[in-house]
Amino acid sequence: MQPHRPGLEEILADLLESVALEQMADAYLLNALADKIRAFIGPHLDFPGGATTEDIVAFATQTSASLASMASRQTSLADRMRIIERLEPMLTGRQAEAVKA
């Protein structure tokens, strides 16, 4: 007996769900990063924690790395969406459109 093999509809649904969940996770991470930046800089832009120049540079480097990681994930998500766009016509019976893409 063969193990369960998902159909195209299930595959597309799983791909869409994974994209949506990762988008939500990135939104939460981006919000948390914004909160962290606001706390570091302070409401009056006066660095209430007494940050040194080195602290500011280190913080900016860490923040930049976090944003670069999110950008990389967004590129991967866009790639998955392109796959979904190519497969979706097959599900709805528009195979000719999918082959052209």
PDB file of N, CA and C in Angstrom:
ATOM      1  N   MET A   1       0.838  -1.181   0.000  1.00  0.00           N
ATOM      2  CA  MET A   1       0.000   0.000   0.000  1.00  0.00           C
ATOM      3  C   MET A   1       0.887   1.250   0.000  1.00  0.00           C
ATOM      4  N   GLN A   2       0.527   2.220  -0.830  1.00  0.00           N
ATOM      5  CA  GLN A   2       1.299   3.456  -0.913  1.00  0.00           C
ATOM      6  C   GLN A   2       0.882   4.417   0.197  1.00  0.00           C
ATOM      7  N   PRO A   3       1.866   5.168   0.703  1.00  0.00           N
ATOM      8  CA  PRO A   3       1.513   6.184   1.701  1.00  0.00           C
ATOM      9  C   PRO A   3       0.677   7.280   1.046  1.00  0.00           C
ATOM     10  N   HIS A   4       0.014   8.066   1.881  1.00  0.00           N
ATOM     11  CA  HIS A   4      -0.828   9.163   1.385  1.00  0.00           C
ATOM     12  C   HIS A   4      -0.009  10.118   0.537  1.00  0.00           C
ATOM     13  N   ARG A   5      -0.491  10.413  -0.649  1.00  0.00           N
ATOM     14  CA  ARG A   5       0.144  11.383  -1.531  1.00  0.00           C
ATOM     15  C   ARG A   5      -0.856  12.520  -1.740  1.00  0.00           C
ATOM     16  N   PRO A   6      -0.516  13.705  -1.272  1.00  0.00           N
ATOM     17  CA  PRO A   6      -1.461  14.820  -1.371  1.00  0.00           C
ATOM     18  C   PRO A   6      -1.714  15.215  -2.820  1.00  0.00           C
ATOM     19  N   GLY A   7      -2.925  15.679  -3.069  1.00  0.00           N
ATOM     20  CA  GLY A   7      -3.278  16.171  -4.387  1.00  0.00           C
ATOM     21  C   GLY A   7      -2.839  17.612  -4.552  1.00  0.00           C
ATOM     22  N   LEU A   8      -2.998  18.114  -5.767  1.00  0.00           N
ATOM     23  CA  LEU A   8      -2.572  19.473  -6.076  1.00  0.00           C
ATOM     24  C   LEU A   8      -3.280  20.505  -5.199  1.00  0.00           C
ATOM     25  N   GLU A   9      -4.557  20.315  -4.962  1.00  0.00           N
ATOM     26  CA  GLU A   9      -5.303  21.265  -4.135  1.00  0.00           C
ATOM     27  C   GLU A   9      -4.720  21.341  -2.729  1.00  0.00           C
ATOM     28  N   GLU A  10      -4.399  20.187  -2.153  1.00  0.00           N
ATOM     29  CA  GLU A  10      -3.829  20.156  -0.809  1.00  0.00           C
ATOM     30  C   GLU A  10      -2.425  20.784  -0.794  1.00  0.00           C
ATOM     31  N   ILE A  11      -1.664  20.536  -1.829  1.00  0.00           N
ATOM     32  CA  ILE A  11      -0.321  21.113  -1.922  1.00  0.00           C
ATOM     33  C   ILE A  11      -0.407  22.636  -1.979  1.00  0.00           C
ATOM     34  N   LEU A  12      -1.296  23.146  -2.836  1.00  0.00           N
ATOM     35  CA  LEU A  12      -1.452  24.603  -2.949  1.00  0.00           C
ATOM     36  C   LEU A  12      -1.939  25.215  -1.638  1.00  0.00           C
ATOM     37  N   ALA A  13      -2.873  24.561  -0.987  1.00  0.00           N
ATOM     38  CA  ALA A  13      -3.383  25.064   0.290  1.00  0.00           C
ATOM     39  C   ALA A  13      -2.270  25.105   1.336  1.00  0.00           C
ATOM     40  N   ASP A  14      -1.448  24.060   1.372  1.00  0.00           N
ATOM     41  CA  ASP A  14      -0.338  24.025   2.326  1.00  0.00           C
ATOM     42  C   ASP A  14       0.692  25.114   2.022  1.00  0.00           C
ATOM     43  N   LEU A  15       0.989  25.312   0.747  1.00  0.00           N
ATOM     44  CA  LEU A  15       1.927  26.370   0.370  1.00  0.00           C
ATOM     45  C   LEU A  15       1.398  27.750   0.765  1.00  0.00           C
ATOM     46  N   LEU A  16       0.123  28.001   0.456  1.00  0.00           N
ATOM     47  CA  LEU A  16      -0.472  29.290   0.819  1.00  0.00           C
ATOM     48  C   LEU A  16      -0.475  29.504   2.336  1.00  0.00           C
ATOM     49  N   GLU A  17      -0.799  28.447   3.060  1.00  0.00           N
ATOM     50  CA  GLU A  17      -0.812  28.556   4.518  1.00  0.00           C
ATOM     51  C   GLU A  17       0.587  28.846   5.049  1.00  0.00           C
ATOM     52  N   SER A  18       1.597  28.187   4.484  1.00  0.00           N
ATOM     53  CA  SER A  18       2.961  28.423   4.956  1.00  0.00           C
ATOM     54  C   SER A  18       3.393  29.866   4.671  1.00  0.00           C
ATOM     55  N   VAL A  19       3.020  30.382   3.511  1.00  0.00           N
ATOM     56  CA  VAL A  19       3.350  31.769   3.181  1.00  0.00           C
ATOM     57  C   VAL A  19       2.652  32.718   4.161  1.00  0.00           C
ATOM     58  N   ALA A  20       1.380  32.484   4.402  1.00  0.00           N
ATOM     59  CA  ALA A  20       0.624  33.357   5.313  1.00  0.00           C
ATOM     60  C   ALA A  20       1.206  33.326   6.724  1.00  0.00           C
ATOM     61  N   LEU A  21       1.558  32.139   7.215  1.00  0.00           N
ATOM     62  CA  LEU A  21       2.119  32.033   8.568  1.00  0.00           C
ATOM     63  C   LEU A  21       3.473  32.735   8.670  1.00  0.00           C
ATOM     64  N   GLU A  22       4.293  32.580   7.642  1.00  0.00           N
ATOM     65  CA  GLU A  22       5.589  33.248   7.668  1.00  0.00           C
ATOM     66  C   GLU A  22       5.439  34.765   7.553  1.00  0.00           C
ATOM     67  N   GLN A  23       4.459  35.218   6.781  1.00  0.00           N
ATOM     68  CA  GLN A  23       4.201  36.653   6.688  1.00  0.00           C
ATOM     69  C   GLN A  23       3.779  37.194   8.056  1.00  0.00           C
ATOM     70  N   MET A  24       2.923  36.460   8.742  1.00  0.00           N
ATOM     71  CA  MET A  24       2.494  36.893  10.085  1.00  0.00           C
ATOM     72  C   MET A  24       3.678  36.916  11.044  1.00  0.00           C
ATOM     73  N   ALA A  25       4.521  35.886  10.982  1.00  0.00           N
ATOM     74  CA  ALA A  25       5.689  35.836  11.868  1.00  0.00           C
ATOM     75  C   ALA A  25       6.607  37.025  11.605  1.00  0.00           C
ATOM     76  N   ASP A  26       6.845  37.332  10.336  1.00  0.00           N
ATOM     77  CA  ASP A  26       7.689  38.477  10.020  1.00  0.00           C
ATOM     78  C   ASP A  26       7.054  39.785  10.473  1.00  0.00           C
ATOM     79  N   ALA A  27       5.744  39.884  10.379  1.00  0.00           N
ATOM     80  CA  ALA A  27       5.061  41.100  10.849  1.00  0.00           C
ATOM     81  C   ALA A  27       5.265  41.270  12.354  1.00  0.00           C
ATOM     82  N   TYR A  28       5.152  40.180  13.106  1.00  0.00           N
ATOM     83  CA  TYR A  28       5.384  40.253  14.553  1.00  0.00           C
ATOM     84  C   TYR A  28       6.834  40.610  14.854  1.00  0.00           C
ATOM     85  N   LEU A  29       7.765  39.999  14.117  1.00  0.00           N
ATOM     86  CA  LEU A  29       9.181  40.302  14.327  1.00  0.00           C
ATOM     87  C   LEU A  29       9.496  41.761  13.995  1.00  0.00           C
ATOM     88  N   LEU A  30       8.922  42.249  12.909  1.00  0.00           N
ATOM     89  CA  LEU A  30       9.157  43.635  12.514  1.00  0.00           C
ATOM     90  C   LEU A  30       8.598  44.604  13.562  1.00  0.00           C
ATOM     91  N   ASN A  31       7.437  44.276  14.088  1.00  0.00           N
ATOM     92  CA  ASN A  31       6.846  45.107  15.146  1.00  0.00           C
ATOM     93  C   ASN A  31       7.716  45.084  16.402  1.00  0.00           C
ATOM     94  N   ALA A  32       8.214  43.903  16.752  1.00  0.00           N
ATOM     95  CA  ALA A  32       9.082  43.800  17.929  1.00  0.00           C
ATOM     96  C   ALA A  32      10.387  44.574  17.713  1.00  0.00           C
ATOM     97  N   LEU A  33      10.911  44.511  16.499  1.00  0.00           N
ATOM     98  CA  LEU A  33      12.129  45.256  16.190  1.00  0.00           C
ATOM     99  C   LEU A  33      11.881  46.757  16.279  1.00  0.00           C
ATOM    100  N   ALA A  34      10.743  47.206  15.787  1.00  0.00           N
ATOM    101  CA  ALA A  34      10.392  48.630  15.884  1.00  0.00           C
ATOM    102  C   ALA A  34      10.281  49.057  17.350  1.00  0.00           C
ATOM    103  N   ASP A  35       9.668  48.214  18.179  1.00  0.00           N
ATOM    104  CA  ASP A  35       9.572  48.522  19.615  1.00  0.00           C
ATOM    105  C   ASP A  35      10.960  48.616  20.244  1.00  0.00           C
ATOM    106  N   LYS A  36      11.839  47.706  19.848  1.00  0.00           N
ATOM    107  CA  LYS A  36      13.201  47.690  20.376  1.00  0.00           C
ATOM    108  C   LYS A  36      13.947  48.969  19.973  1.00  0.00           C
ATOM    109  N   ILE A  37      13.757  49.389  18.730  1.00  0.00           N
ATOM    110  CA  ILE A  37      14.402  50.621  18.253  1.00  0.00           C
ATOM    111  C   ILE A  37      13.877  51.824  19.033  1.00  0.00           C
ATOM    112  N   ARG A  38      12.552  51.883  19.192  1.00  0.00           N
ATOM    113  CA  ARG A  38      11.965  53.006  19.946  1.00  0.00           C
ATOM    114  C   ARG A  38      12.494  53.047  21.379  1.00  0.00           C
ATOM    115  N   ALA A  39      12.608  51.877  22.013  1.00  0.00           N
ATOM    116  CA  ALA A  39      13.102  51.830  23.387  1.00  0.00           C
ATOM    117  C   ALA A  39      14.576  52.233  23.443  1.00  0.00           C
ATOM    118  N   PHE A  40      15.358  51.814  22.477  1.00  0.00           N
ATOM    119  CA  PHE A  40      16.790  52.129  22.461  1.00  0.00           C
ATOM    120  C   PHE A  40      17.021  53.627  22.248  1.00  0.00           C
ATOM    121  N   ILE A  41      16.284  54.198  21.299  1.00  0.00           N
ATOM    122  CA  ILE A  41      16.462  55.617  20.969  1.00  0.00           C
ATOM    123  C   ILE A  41      15.788  56.516  21.997  1.00  0.00           C
ATOM    124  N   GLY A  42      14.649  56.068  22.518  1.00  0.00           N
ATOM    125  CA  GLY A  42      13.925  56.859  23.507  1.00  0.00           C
ATOM    126  C   GLY A  42      12.895  57.764  22.856  1.00  0.00           C
ATOM    127  N   PRO A  43      11.860  58.143  23.605  1.00  0.00           N
ATOM    128  CA  PRO A  43      10.784  58.961  23.052  1.00  0.00           C
ATOM    129  C   PRO A  43      11.247  60.360  22.644  1.00  0.00           C
ATOM    130  N   HIS A  44      12.338  60.826  23.223  1.00  0.00           N
ATOM    131  CA  HIS A  44      12.836  62.170  22.912  1.00  0.00           C
ATOM    132  C   HIS A  44      14.127  62.095  22.092  1.00  0.00           C
ATOM    133  N   LEU A  45      14.380  60.921  21.511  1.00  0.00           N
ATOM    134  CA  LEU A  45      15.570  60.695  20.690  1.00  0.00           C
ATOM    135  C   LEU A  45      16.859  61.023  21.445  1.00  0.00           C
ATOM    136  N   ASP A  46      16.861  60.669  22.738  1.00  0.00           N
ATOM    137  CA  ASP A  46      17.997  61.030  23.581  1.00  0.00           C
ATOM    138  C   ASP A  46      18.760  59.823  24.133  1.00  0.00           C
ATOM    139  N   PHE A  47      18.485  58.642  23.613  1.00  0.00           N
ATOM    140  CA  PHE A  47      19.161  57.413  24.059  1.00  0.00           C
ATOM    141  C   PHE A  47      19.176  57.327  25.588  1.00  0.00           C
ATOM    142  N   PRO A  48      18.008  57.077  26.199  1.00  0.00           N
ATOM    143  CA  PRO A  48      17.894  57.122  27.660  1.00  0.00           C
ATOM    144  C   PRO A  48      18.775  56.105  28.383  1.00  0.00           C
ATOM    145  N   GLY A  49      19.232  55.092  27.699  1.00  0.00           N
ATOM    146  CA  GLY A  49      20.089  54.103  28.358  1.00  0.00           C
ATOM    147  C   GLY A  49      21.542  54.523  28.414  1.00  0.00           C
ATOM    148  N   GLY A  50      21.847  55.717  27.944  1.00  0.00           N
ATOM    149  CA  GLY A  50      23.227  56.194  27.983  1.00  0.00           C
ATOM    150  C   GLY A  50      24.117  55.471  26.989  1.00  0.00           C
ATOM    151  N   ALA A  51      23.582  55.189  25.806  1.00  0.00           N
ATOM    152  CA  ALA A  51      24.330  54.441  24.795  1.00  0.00           C
ATOM    153  C   ALA A  51      25.561  55.209  24.327  1.00  0.00           C
ATOM    154  N   THR A  52      26.649  54.476  24.191  1.00  0.00           N
ATOM    155  CA  THR A  52      27.868  55.050  23.632  1.00  0.00           C
ATOM    156  C   THR A  52      27.811  54.933  22.112  1.00  0.00           C
ATOM    157  N   THR A  53      28.753  55.556  21.459  1.00  0.00           N
ATOM    158  CA  THR A  53      28.834  55.454  20.000  1.00  0.00           C
ATOM    159  C   THR A  53      28.974  53.983  19.593  1.00  0.00           C
ATOM    160  N   GLU A  54      29.781  53.250  20.324  1.00  0.00           N
ATOM    161  CA  GLU A  54      29.970  51.825  20.032  1.00  0.00           C
ATOM    162  C   GLU A  54      28.660  51.055  20.206  1.00  0.00           C
ATOM    163  N   ASP A  55      27.894  51.395  21.249  1.00  0.00           N
ATOM    164  CA  ASP A  55      26.597  50.752  21.472  1.00  0.00           C
ATOM    165  C   ASP A  55      25.651  51.027  20.301  1.00  0.00           C
ATOM    166  N   ILE A  56      25.654  52.261  19.829  1.00  0.00           N
ATOM    167  CA  ILE A  56      24.771  52.645  18.725  1.00  0.00           C
ATOM    168  C   ILE A  56      25.161  51.910  17.447  1.00  0.00           C
ATOM    169  N   VAL A  57      26.452  51.833  17.175  1.00  0.00           N
ATOM    170  CA  VAL A  57      26.924  51.123  15.982  1.00  0.00           C
ATOM    171  C   VAL A  57      26.569  49.638  16.077  1.00  0.00           C
ATOM    172  N   ALA A  58      26.784  49.031  17.229  1.00  0.00           N
ATOM    173  CA  ALA A  58      26.458  47.616  17.418  1.00  0.00           C
ATOM    174  C   ALA A  58      24.961  47.383  17.246  1.00  0.00           C
ATOM    175  N   PHE A  59      24.160  48.271  17.803  1.00  0.00           N
ATOM    176  CA  PHE A  59      22.701  48.149  17.687  1.00  0.00           C
ATOM    177  C   PHE A  59      22.276  48.279  16.224  1.00  0.00           C
ATOM    178  N   ALA A  60      22.842  49.249  15.520  1.00  0.00           N
ATOM    179  CA  ALA A  60      22.498  49.445  14.114  1.00  0.00           C
ATOM    180  C   ALA A  60      22.915  48.237  13.276  1.00  0.00           C
ATOM    181  N   THR A  61      24.057  47.657  13.581  1.00  0.00           N
ATOM    182  CA  THR A  61      24.525  46.470  12.858  1.00  0.00           C
ATOM    183  C   THR A  61      23.589  45.291  13.090  1.00  0.00           C
ATOM    184  N   GLN A  62      23.195  45.091  14.333  1.00  0.00           N
ATOM    185  CA  GLN A  62      22.270  44.004  14.670  1.00  0.00           C
ATOM    186  C   GLN A  62      20.913  44.219  13.997  1.00  0.00           C
ATOM    187  N   THR A  63      20.440  45.456  14.025  1.00  0.00           N
ATOM    188  CA  THR A  63      19.152  45.778  13.407  1.00  0.00           C
ATOM    189  C   THR A  63      19.205  45.543  11.900  1.00  0.00           C
ATOM    190  N   SER A  64      20.294  45.962  11.293  1.00  0.00           N
ATOM    191  CA  SER A  64      20.478  45.763   9.851  1.00  0.00           C
ATOM    192  C   SER A  64      20.489  44.279   9.497  1.00  0.00           C
ATOM    193  N   ALA A  65      21.155  43.474  10.300  1.00  0.00           N
ATOM    194  CA  ALA A  65      21.198  42.025  10.052  1.00  0.00           C
ATOM    195  C   ALA A  65      19.803  41.416  10.169  1.00  0.00           C
ATOM    196  N   SER A  66      19.038  41.860  11.142  1.00  0.00           N
ATOM    197  CA  SER A  66      17.670  41.356  11.307  1.00  0.00           C
ATOM    198  C   SER A  66      16.812  41.698  10.097  1.00  0.00           C
ATOM    199  N   LEU A  67      16.931  42.940   9.625  1.00  0.00           N
ATOM    200  CA  LEU A  67      16.155  43.361   8.457  1.00  0.00           C
ATOM    201  C   LEU A  67      16.592  42.619   7.198  1.00  0.00           C
ATOM    202  N   ALA A  68      17.880  42.363   7.054  1.00  0.00           N
ATOM    203  CA  ALA A  68      18.384  41.615   5.895  1.00  0.00           C
ATOM    204  C   ALA A  68      17.848  40.183   5.908  1.00  0.00           C
ATOM    205  N   SER A  69      17.776  39.599   7.082  1.00  0.00           N
ATOM    206  CA  SER A  69      17.233  38.244   7.205  1.00  0.00           C
ATOM    207  C   SER A  69      15.751  38.216   6.808  1.00  0.00           C
ATOM    208  N   MET A  70      15.003  39.227   7.251  1.00  0.00           N
ATOM    209  CA  MET A  70      13.588  39.309   6.876  1.00  0.00           C
ATOM    210  C   MET A  70      13.438  39.503   5.366  1.00  0.00           C
ATOM    211  N   ALA A  71      14.277  40.324   4.784  1.00  0.00           N
ATOM    212  CA  ALA A  71      14.219  40.559   3.336  1.00  0.00           C
ATOM    213  C   ALA A  71      14.498  39.270   2.571  1.00  0.00           C
ATOM    214  N   SER A  72      15.434  38.487   3.058  1.00  0.00           N
ATOM    215  CA  SER A  72      15.745  37.206   2.421  1.00  0.00           C
ATOM    216  C   SER A  72      14.541  36.262   2.495  1.00  0.00           C
ATOM    217  N   ARG A  73      13.890  36.219   3.648  1.00  0.00           N
ATOM    218  CA  ARG A  73      12.687  35.376   3.783  1.00  0.00           C
ATOM    219  C   ARG A  73      11.588  35.854   2.851  1.00  0.00           C
ATOM    220  N   GLN A  74      11.453  37.166   2.692  1.00  0.00           N
ATOM    221  CA  GLN A  74      10.420  37.702   1.803  1.00  0.00           C
ATOM    222  C   GLN A  74      10.693  37.288   0.356  1.00  0.00           C
ATOM    223  N   THR A  75      11.943  37.238  -0.040  1.00  0.00           N
ATOM    224  CA  THR A  75      12.293  36.778  -1.384  1.00  0.00           C
ATOM    225  C   THR A  75      11.886  35.319  -1.554  1.00  0.00           C
ATOM    226  N   SER A  76      12.149  34.517  -0.549  1.00  0.00           N
ATOM    227  CA  SER A  76      11.754  33.110  -0.593  1.00  0.00           C
ATOM    228  C   SER A  76      10.238  32.966  -0.672  1.00  0.00           C
ATOM    229  N   LEU A  77       9.522  33.784   0.074  1.00  0.00           N
ATOM    230  CA  LEU A  77       8.061  33.744   0.035  1.00  0.00           C
ATOM    231  C   LEU A  77       7.541  34.157  -1.338  1.00  0.00           C
ATOM    232  N   ALA A  78       8.162  35.142  -1.932  1.00  0.00           N
ATOM    233  CA  ALA A  78       7.761  35.568  -3.278  1.00  0.00           C
ATOM    234  C   ALA A  78       7.985  34.439  -4.280  1.00  0.00           C
ATOM    235  N   ASP A  79       9.075  33.701  -4.116  1.00  0.00           N
ATOM    236  CA  ASP A  79       9.325  32.546  -4.986  1.00  0.00           C
ATOM    237  C   ASP A  79       8.217  31.500  -4.830  1.00  0.00           C
ATOM    238  N   ARG A  80       7.809  31.256  -3.601  1.00  0.00           N
ATOM    239  CA  ARG A  80       6.712  30.295  -3.376  1.00  0.00           C
ATOM    240  C   ARG A  80       5.410  30.774  -3.998  1.00  0.00           C
ATOM    241  N   MET A  81       5.166  32.073  -3.917  1.00  0.00           N
ATOM    242  CA  MET A  81       3.943  32.608  -4.528  1.00  0.00           C
ATOM    243  C   MET A  81       3.971  32.450  -6.047  1.00  0.00           C
ATOM    244  N   ARG A  82       5.140  32.592  -6.651  1.00  0.00           N
ATOM    245  CA  ARG A  82       5.243  32.371  -8.100  1.00  0.00           C
ATOM    246  C   ARG A  82       4.953  30.910  -8.454  1.00  0.00           C
ATOM    247  N   ILE A  83       5.395  29.993  -7.613  1.00  0.00           N
ATOM    248  CA  ILE A  83       5.091  28.569  -7.826  1.00  0.00           C
ATOM    249  C   ILE A  83       3.586  28.357  -7.748  1.00  0.00           C
ATOM    250  N   ILE A  84       2.964  28.948  -6.747  1.00  0.00           N
ATOM    251  CA  ILE A  84       1.508  28.819  -6.583  1.00  0.00           C
ATOM    252  C   ILE A  84       0.792  29.382  -7.807  1.00  0.00           C
ATOM    253  N   GLU A  85       1.241  30.532  -8.279  1.00  0.00           N
ATOM    254  CA  GLU A  85       0.617  31.141  -9.461  1.00  0.00           C
ATOM    255  C   GLU A  85       0.728  30.240 -10.688  1.00  0.00           C
ATOM    256  N   ARG A  86       1.816  29.501 -10.785  1.00  0.00           N
ATOM    257  CA  ARG A  86       1.981  28.586 -11.929  1.00  0.00           C
ATOM    258  C   ARG A  86       1.130  27.325 -11.779  1.00  0.00           C
ATOM    259  N   LEU A  87       0.954  26.866 -10.562  1.00  0.00           N
ATOM    260  CA  LEU A  87       0.213  25.621 -10.336  1.00  0.00           C
ATOM    261  C   LEU A  87      -1.300  25.827 -10.275  1.00  0.00           C
ATOM    262  N   GLU A  88      -1.730  26.981  -9.818  1.00  0.00           N
ATOM    263  CA  GLU A  88      -3.163  27.228  -9.615  1.00  0.00           C
ATOM    264  C   GLU A  88      -4.002  27.006 -10.869  1.00  0.00           C
ATOM    265  N   PRO A  89      -3.563  27.440 -12.062  1.00  0.00           N
ATOM    266  CA  PRO A  89      -4.393  27.186 -13.244  1.00  0.00           C
ATOM    267  C   PRO A  89      -4.623  25.695 -13.508  1.00  0.00           C
ATOM    268  N   MET A  90      -3.672  24.858 -13.130  1.00  0.00           N
ATOM    269  CA  MET A  90      -3.846  23.414 -13.305  1.00  0.00           C
ATOM    270  C   MET A  90      -5.002  22.902 -12.464  1.00  0.00           C
ATOM    271  N   LEU A  91      -5.166  23.487 -11.304  1.00  0.00           N
ATOM    272  CA  LEU A  91      -6.234  23.083 -10.390  1.00  0.00           C
ATOM    273  C   LEU A  91      -7.597  23.504 -10.924  1.00  0.00           C
ATOM    274  N   THR A  92      -7.642  24.660 -11.551  1.00  0.00           N
ATOM    275  CA  THR A  92      -8.922  25.182 -12.019  1.00  0.00           C
ATOM    276  C   THR A  92      -9.218  24.808 -13.468  1.00  0.00           C
ATOM    277  N   GLY A  93      -8.371  23.954 -14.044  1.00  0.00           N
ATOM    278  CA  GLY A  93      -8.628  23.493 -15.402  1.00  0.00           C
ATOM    279  C   GLY A  93      -8.087  24.391 -16.486  1.00  0.00           C
ATOM    280  N   ARG A  94      -7.226  25.300 -16.112  1.00  0.00           N
ATOM    281  CA  ARG A  94      -6.641  26.201 -17.116  1.00  0.00           C
ATOM    282  C   ARG A  94      -5.213  25.775 -17.394  1.00  0.00           C
ATOM    283  N   GLN A  95      -5.019  24.505 -17.747  1.00  0.00           N
ATOM    284  CA  GLN A  95      -3.688  23.964 -17.948  1.00  0.00           C
ATOM    285  C   GLN A  95      -2.902  24.726 -19.028  1.00  0.00           C
ATOM    286  N   ALA A  96      -3.557  25.175 -20.080  1.00  0.00           N
ATOM    287  CA  ALA A  96      -2.874  25.864 -21.153  1.00  0.00           C
ATOM    288  C   ALA A  96      -2.172  27.127 -20.636  1.00  0.00           C
ATOM    289  N   GLU A  97      -2.831  27.849 -19.716  1.00  0.00           N
ATOM    290  CA  GLU A  97      -2.234  29.057 -19.155  1.00  0.00           C
ATOM    291  C   GLU A  97      -1.013  28.701 -18.320  1.00  0.00           C
ATOM    292  N   ALA A  98      -1.094  27.605 -17.569  1.00  0.00           N
ATOM    293  CA  ALA A  98       0.012  27.201 -16.702  1.00  0.00           C
ATOM    294  C   ALA A  98       1.223  26.801 -17.528  1.00  0.00           C
ATOM    295  N   VAL A  99       1.006  26.162 -18.648  1.00  0.00           N
ATOM    296  CA  VAL A  99       2.112  25.712 -19.484  1.00  0.00           C
ATOM    297  C   VAL A  99       2.813  26.910 -20.119  1.00  0.00           C
ATOM    298  N   LYS A 100       2.065  27.946 -20.489  1.00  0.00           N
ATOM    299  CA  LYS A 100       2.648  29.136 -21.110  1.00  0.00           C
ATOM    300  C   LYS A 100       3.545  29.903 -20.145  1.00  0.00           C
ATOM    301  N   ALA A 101       3.206  29.894 -18.867  1.00  0.00           N
ATOM    302  CA  ALA A 101       3.929  30.721 -17.882  1.00  0.00           C
ATOM    303  C   ALA A 101       5.350  30.281 -17.686  1.00  0.00           C
TER     304      ALA A 101
END
